[in-house]
Amino acid sequence: GIVVFASIMATLGFQILLESARELITQ
């Protein structure tokens, strides 16, 4: 239960970090 939720949140957070970093690099 909690492990699956934590892994999903970690994946979402990692994707958001990648997208924000990508935007910072392109600007």
N, C-alpha and C. Protein backbone atom coordinates (compact mmCIF):
# COMPACT_ATOMS: atom_id res chain seq x y z
N GLY A 1 0.82 -1.20 0.00
CA GLY A 1 0.00 0.00 0.00
C GLY A 1 0.86 1.26 0.00
N ILE A 2 1.56 1.49 1.12
CA ILE A 2 2.35 2.72 1.26
C ILE A 2 3.55 2.72 0.33
N VAL A 3 4.12 1.54 0.09
CA VAL A 3 5.30 1.47 -0.78
C VAL A 3 4.92 1.83 -2.21
N VAL A 4 3.78 1.31 -2.67
CA VAL A 4 3.33 1.61 -4.03
C VAL A 4 3.05 3.11 -4.16
N PHE A 5 2.38 3.67 -3.15
CA PHE A 5 2.07 5.10 -3.18
C PHE A 5 3.36 5.92 -3.21
N ALA A 6 4.34 5.54 -2.41
CA ALA A 6 5.60 6.27 -2.36
C ALA A 6 6.33 6.19 -3.70
N SER A 7 6.33 5.01 -4.32
CA SER A 7 7.02 4.86 -5.60
C SER A 7 6.33 5.70 -6.68
N ILE A 8 5.00 5.74 -6.65
CA ILE A 8 4.26 6.55 -7.64
C ILE A 8 4.58 8.03 -7.44
N MET A 9 4.57 8.49 -6.19
CA MET A 9 4.88 9.90 -5.91
C MET A 9 6.31 10.22 -6.34
N ALA A 10 7.25 9.29 -6.11
CA ALA A 10 8.64 9.52 -6.49
C ALA A 10 8.76 9.63 -8.00
N THR A 11 8.03 8.77 -8.73
CA THR A 11 8.08 8.82 -10.19
C THR A 11 7.52 10.13 -10.71
N LEU A 12 6.38 10.55 -10.14
CA LEU A 12 5.78 11.82 -10.57
C LEU A 12 6.72 12.98 -10.27
N GLY A 13 7.31 12.99 -9.09
CA GLY A 13 8.23 14.07 -8.73
C GLY A 13 9.44 14.09 -9.65
N PHE A 14 9.95 12.90 -10.00
CA PHE A 14 11.12 12.83 -10.89
C PHE A 14 10.78 13.37 -12.26
N GLN A 15 9.59 13.04 -12.78
CA GLN A 15 9.17 13.53 -14.09
C GLN A 15 9.03 15.05 -14.07
N ILE A 16 8.47 15.58 -12.99
CA ILE A 16 8.32 17.04 -12.88
C ILE A 16 9.70 17.70 -12.85
N LEU A 17 10.64 17.09 -12.12
CA LEU A 17 11.99 17.66 -12.07
C LEU A 17 12.63 17.65 -13.44
N LEU A 18 12.45 16.56 -14.20
CA LEU A 18 13.02 16.48 -15.54
C LEU A 18 12.43 17.55 -16.44
N GLU A 19 11.11 17.73 -16.38
CA GLU A 19 10.46 18.72 -17.24
C GLU A 19 10.91 20.13 -16.88
N SER A 20 10.98 20.45 -15.59
CA SER A 20 11.39 21.79 -15.18
C SER A 20 12.85 22.04 -15.56
N ALA A 21 13.71 21.04 -15.38
CA ALA A 21 15.12 21.18 -15.75
C ALA A 21 15.23 21.38 -17.26
N ARG A 22 14.43 20.65 -18.01
CA ARG A 22 14.46 20.77 -19.47
C ARG A 22 14.07 22.20 -19.88
N GLU A 23 13.05 22.75 -19.21
CA GLU A 23 12.62 24.12 -19.54
C GLU A 23 13.72 25.12 -19.19
N LEU A 24 14.38 24.92 -18.04
CA LEU A 24 15.45 25.84 -17.65
C LEU A 24 16.60 25.79 -18.64
N ILE A 25 16.92 24.60 -19.14
CA ILE A 25 18.04 24.46 -20.08
C ILE A 25 17.71 25.12 -21.41
N THR A 26 16.47 24.97 -21.88
CA THR A 26 16.12 25.51 -23.19
C THR A 26 16.02 27.03 -23.16
N GLN A 27 15.68 27.61 -22.01
CA GLN A 27 15.51 29.07 -21.97
C GLN A 27 16.84 29.80 -21.97
